[in-house]
């Protein structure tokens, strides 16, 4: 390996090279990035709170009816939104539980929903609309499309199975009423100080 003498001209040349490389590299600005994400997610603030109401879905063994609840709120300075959905049967037992993170990528100018339910995980295209949103699940030759409308404390989401050349088939519907504000998930963070014991 050839060694170059660390003379003053060599050091100056190295410093100039580093300066040029640094000038060409984009400067990362987390505050700007978070502000862009927060602004994009702000249009989904209408979803925030606790919701409850009747719902039904079509499964292989028929139509199932249940009570659906949702709690939704911002985190990380509003740059993401978290959703937890629970379905309860007539006895009050949880029969379905799902969790999702809504986010926005300023580079692609696209929203994403990262969701987990029934041991499965996926990332889905999420599109805000003037009064709600749509999102889709690829299912082989079919597509499952969910469309939500949120107005005046009422939150309706409808799921449809779409097949090429066929009319959409409704497979899910929930009719929720806003129960109130939710402190979740941003409330009660861990304190930086140890509690003083009595």
Protein backbone atom coordinates (compact mmCIF):
# COMPACT_ATOMS: atom_id res chain seq x y z
CA UNK A 1 0.00 0.00 0.00
CA UNK A 2 1.42 3.35 -1.01
CA UNK A 3 1.49 6.04 1.67
CA UNK A 4 1.20 9.74 0.85
CA UNK A 5 3.08 12.23 2.97
CA UNK A 6 0.85 14.36 5.16
CA UNK A 7 2.21 17.61 3.84
CA UNK A 8 0.33 20.88 3.97
CA UNK A 9 -0.72 20.66 0.28
CA UNK A 10 -2.01 17.11 0.86
CA UNK A 11 -4.05 18.18 3.89
CA UNK A 12 -5.47 21.14 2.00
CA UNK A 13 -6.45 18.88 -0.90
CA UNK A 14 -8.17 16.44 1.48
CA UNK A 15 -10.04 19.27 3.18
CA UNK A 16 -11.18 20.64 -0.18
CA UNK A 17 -12.41 17.19 -1.27
CA UNK A 18 -14.38 16.72 1.96
CA UNK A 19 -15.89 20.19 1.64
CA UNK A 20 -17.09 19.50 -1.91
CA UNK A 21 -18.59 16.13 -0.90
CA UNK A 22 -20.31 17.71 2.07
CA UNK A 23 -21.72 20.50 -0.08
CA UNK A 24 -23.10 18.00 -2.60
CA UNK A 25 -24.78 15.80 0.04
CA UNK A 26 -28.32 16.85 0.98
CA UNK A 27 -28.60 18.25 4.48
CA UNK A 28 -30.94 16.25 6.70
CA UNK A 29 -33.41 18.48 8.52
CA UNK A 30 -35.58 16.41 10.88
CA UNK A 31 -37.68 19.40 11.95
CA UNK A 32 -38.62 20.14 8.33
CA UNK A 33 -39.41 16.48 7.65
CA UNK A 34 -41.59 16.12 10.74
CA UNK A 35 -43.37 19.39 9.92
CA UNK A 36 -44.23 18.11 6.42
CA UNK A 37 -45.49 14.80 7.82
CA UNK A 38 -47.51 16.54 10.52
CA UNK A 39 -49.12 18.86 7.98
CA UNK A 40 -50.07 15.91 5.77
CA UNK A 41 -51.51 13.91 8.70
CA UNK A 42 -53.48 16.91 10.00
CA UNK A 43 -56.18 16.28 7.40
CA UNK A 44 -56.90 12.99 9.22
CA UNK A 45 -57.49 14.68 12.59
CA UNK A 46 -61.22 14.17 12.04
CA UNK A 47 -60.57 10.50 12.85
CA UNK A 48 -59.18 11.23 16.32
CA UNK A 49 -61.08 10.08 19.38
CA UNK A 50 -63.03 7.06 20.57
CA UNK A 51 -65.74 5.53 18.38
CA UNK A 52 -68.32 2.77 18.89
CA UNK A 53 -71.18 1.24 16.95
CA UNK A 54 -72.69 -1.76 15.15
CA UNK A 55 -70.86 -3.58 12.38
CA UNK A 56 -71.11 -6.71 10.26
CA UNK A 57 -68.84 -8.71 8.00
CA UNK A 58 -69.23 -11.64 5.61
CA UNK A 59 -67.12 -14.71 6.45
CA UNK A 60 -67.11 -18.14 4.80
CA UNK A 61 -69.70 -19.38 7.34
CA UNK A 62 -72.04 -16.43 6.87
CA UNK A 63 -72.70 -12.92 8.15
CA UNK A 64 -71.28 -12.01 11.57
CA UNK A 65 -72.60 -9.04 13.55
CA UNK A 66 -70.70 -7.37 16.37
CA UNK A 67 -69.94 -4.11 18.14
CA UNK A 68 -66.96 -2.28 16.67
CA UNK A 69 -64.79 0.22 18.56
CA UNK A 70 -61.92 2.37 17.36
CA UNK A 71 -59.51 4.61 19.21
CA UNK A 72 -57.36 6.89 17.12
CA UNK A 73 -54.80 9.55 17.96
CA UNK A 74 -51.56 11.28 16.96
CA UNK A 75 -48.01 10.54 18.09
CA UNK A 76 -44.52 11.88 17.33
CA UNK A 77 -45.65 15.50 17.15
CA UNK A 78 -48.60 14.50 14.99
CA UNK A 79 -46.38 13.03 12.25
CA UNK A 80 -48.12 9.64 12.57
CA UNK A 81 -51.56 8.46 13.67
CA UNK A 82 -52.25 5.23 15.52
CA UNK A 83 -55.44 3.20 15.24
CA UNK A 84 -56.63 0.32 17.39
CA UNK A 85 -59.82 -1.46 16.38
CA UNK A 86 -61.66 -4.02 18.50
CA UNK A 87 -64.70 -6.11 17.68
CA UNK A 88 -66.89 -7.50 20.49
CA UNK A 89 -69.51 -10.22 20.34
CA UNK A 90 -72.82 -10.05 22.22
CA UNK A 91 -71.19 -11.32 25.43
CA UNK A 92 -68.52 -8.59 25.35
CA UNK A 93 -65.71 -10.92 24.28
CA UNK A 94 -63.08 -9.48 21.91
CA UNK A 95 -63.37 -11.41 18.65
CA UNK A 96 -61.08 -9.25 16.52
CA UNK A 97 -58.27 -6.83 17.31
CA UNK A 98 -56.25 -4.77 14.82
CA UNK A 99 -53.58 -2.10 15.04
CA UNK A 100 -52.36 0.32 12.38
CA UNK A 101 -49.96 3.21 11.89
CA UNK A 102 -50.79 5.91 9.35
CA UNK A 103 -47.83 7.81 7.94
CA UNK A 104 -46.81 10.08 5.06
CA UNK A 105 -43.64 10.10 2.95
CA UNK A 106 -42.84 13.60 1.61
CA UNK A 107 -40.43 12.13 -0.96
CA UNK A 108 -43.11 10.03 -2.66
CA UNK A 109 -46.00 12.26 -1.50
CA UNK A 110 -47.85 9.07 -0.55
CA UNK A 111 -49.66 7.90 2.56
CA UNK A 112 -49.18 4.42 4.00
CA UNK A 113 -51.05 2.23 6.46
CA UNK A 114 -48.90 -0.34 8.26
CA UNK A 115 -51.35 -2.76 9.84
CA UNK A 116 -51.30 -5.87 12.02
CA UNK A 117 -54.21 -8.22 12.70
CA UNK A 118 -54.72 -11.93 13.35
CA UNK A 119 -50.97 -12.58 13.27
CA UNK A 120 -50.59 -10.97 9.85
CA UNK A 121 -48.85 -7.75 8.88
CA UNK A 122 -48.96 -5.59 5.76
CA UNK A 123 -48.44 -2.19 4.23
CA UNK A 124 -51.36 -0.78 2.26
CA UNK A 125 -52.00 2.18 0.03
CA UNK A 126 -54.03 4.73 1.98
CA UNK A 127 -55.67 7.70 0.27
CA UNK A 128 -57.33 10.55 2.21
CA UNK A 129 -60.46 11.98 0.61
CA UNK A 130 -62.44 15.17 1.22
CA UNK A 131 -64.56 13.43 3.88
CA UNK A 132 -62.66 10.29 4.84
CA UNK A 133 -60.33 7.85 3.12
CA UNK A 134 -59.95 4.70 1.04
CA UNK A 135 -57.51 1.82 1.37
CA UNK A 136 -57.08 -1.49 -0.44
CA UNK A 137 -55.89 -5.04 0.15
CA UNK A 138 -54.71 -7.10 -2.85
CA UNK A 139 -56.34 -10.55 -2.66
CA UNK A 140 -55.22 -12.61 -5.64
CA UNK A 141 -57.39 -11.73 -8.63
CA UNK A 142 -59.62 -9.66 -6.34
CA UNK A 143 -59.11 -6.40 -4.48
CA UNK A 144 -60.70 -5.59 -1.13
CA UNK A 145 -61.45 -1.87 -1.02
CA UNK A 146 -62.49 0.00 2.12
CA UNK A 147 -64.12 3.42 1.88
CA UNK A 148 -64.77 5.62 4.91
CA UNK A 149 -66.91 8.73 5.30
CA UNK A 150 -66.57 10.74 8.53
CA UNK A 151 -69.00 13.59 9.14
CA UNK A 152 -70.62 15.21 12.15
CA UNK A 153 -69.52 12.63 14.69
CA UNK A 154 -70.52 9.71 12.42
CA UNK A 155 -67.92 7.31 11.01
CA UNK A 156 -68.98 4.80 8.36
CA UNK A 157 -66.59 2.39 6.68
CA UNK A 158 -67.67 -0.02 3.96
CA UNK A 159 -65.65 -2.91 2.55
CA UNK A 160 -66.19 -4.25 -0.96
CA UNK A 161 -64.71 -7.17 -2.88
CA UNK A 162 -63.82 -6.13 -6.42
CA UNK A 163 -63.45 -8.70 -9.19
CA UNK A 164 -62.66 -7.92 -12.83
CA UNK A 165 -65.83 -7.73 -14.89
CA UNK A 166 -68.12 -8.07 -11.86
CA UNK A 167 -70.11 -5.65 -9.75
CA UNK A 168 -68.60 -4.82 -6.32
CA UNK A 169 -69.81 -7.07 -3.49
CA UNK A 170 -70.25 -5.48 -0.06
CA UNK A 171 -68.52 -7.59 2.61
CA UNK A 172 -68.18 -5.22 5.56
CA UNK A 173 -69.87 -2.22 7.12
CA UNK A 174 -69.50 -0.33 10.38
CA UNK A 175 -71.59 2.60 11.61
CA UNK A 176 -69.76 4.31 14.46
CA UNK A 177 -70.64 7.26 16.67
CA UNK A 178 -67.94 9.38 18.27
CA UNK A 179 -67.88 8.63 22.00
CA UNK A 180 -65.43 11.38 22.89
CA UNK A 181 -61.80 12.43 22.96
CA UNK A 182 -59.11 9.86 23.58
CA UNK A 183 -55.90 10.48 25.53
CA UNK A 184 -54.38 7.53 23.66
CA UNK A 185 -51.63 7.17 22.54
CA UNK A 186 -49.89 10.38 23.59
CA UNK A 187 -50.97 10.63 27.24
CA UNK A 188 -48.91 9.70 30.26
CA UNK A 189 -45.39 9.28 28.81
CA UNK A 190 -42.71 7.85 31.10
CA UNK A 191 -41.29 10.60 33.31
CA UNK A 192 -37.57 11.39 33.04
CA UNK A 193 -37.41 11.44 36.84
CA UNK A 194 -37.87 8.63 39.29
CA UNK A 195 -40.98 8.92 41.41
CA UNK A 196 -40.38 9.84 45.03
CA UNK A 197 -41.60 6.99 47.20
CA UNK A 198 -43.47 7.89 50.43
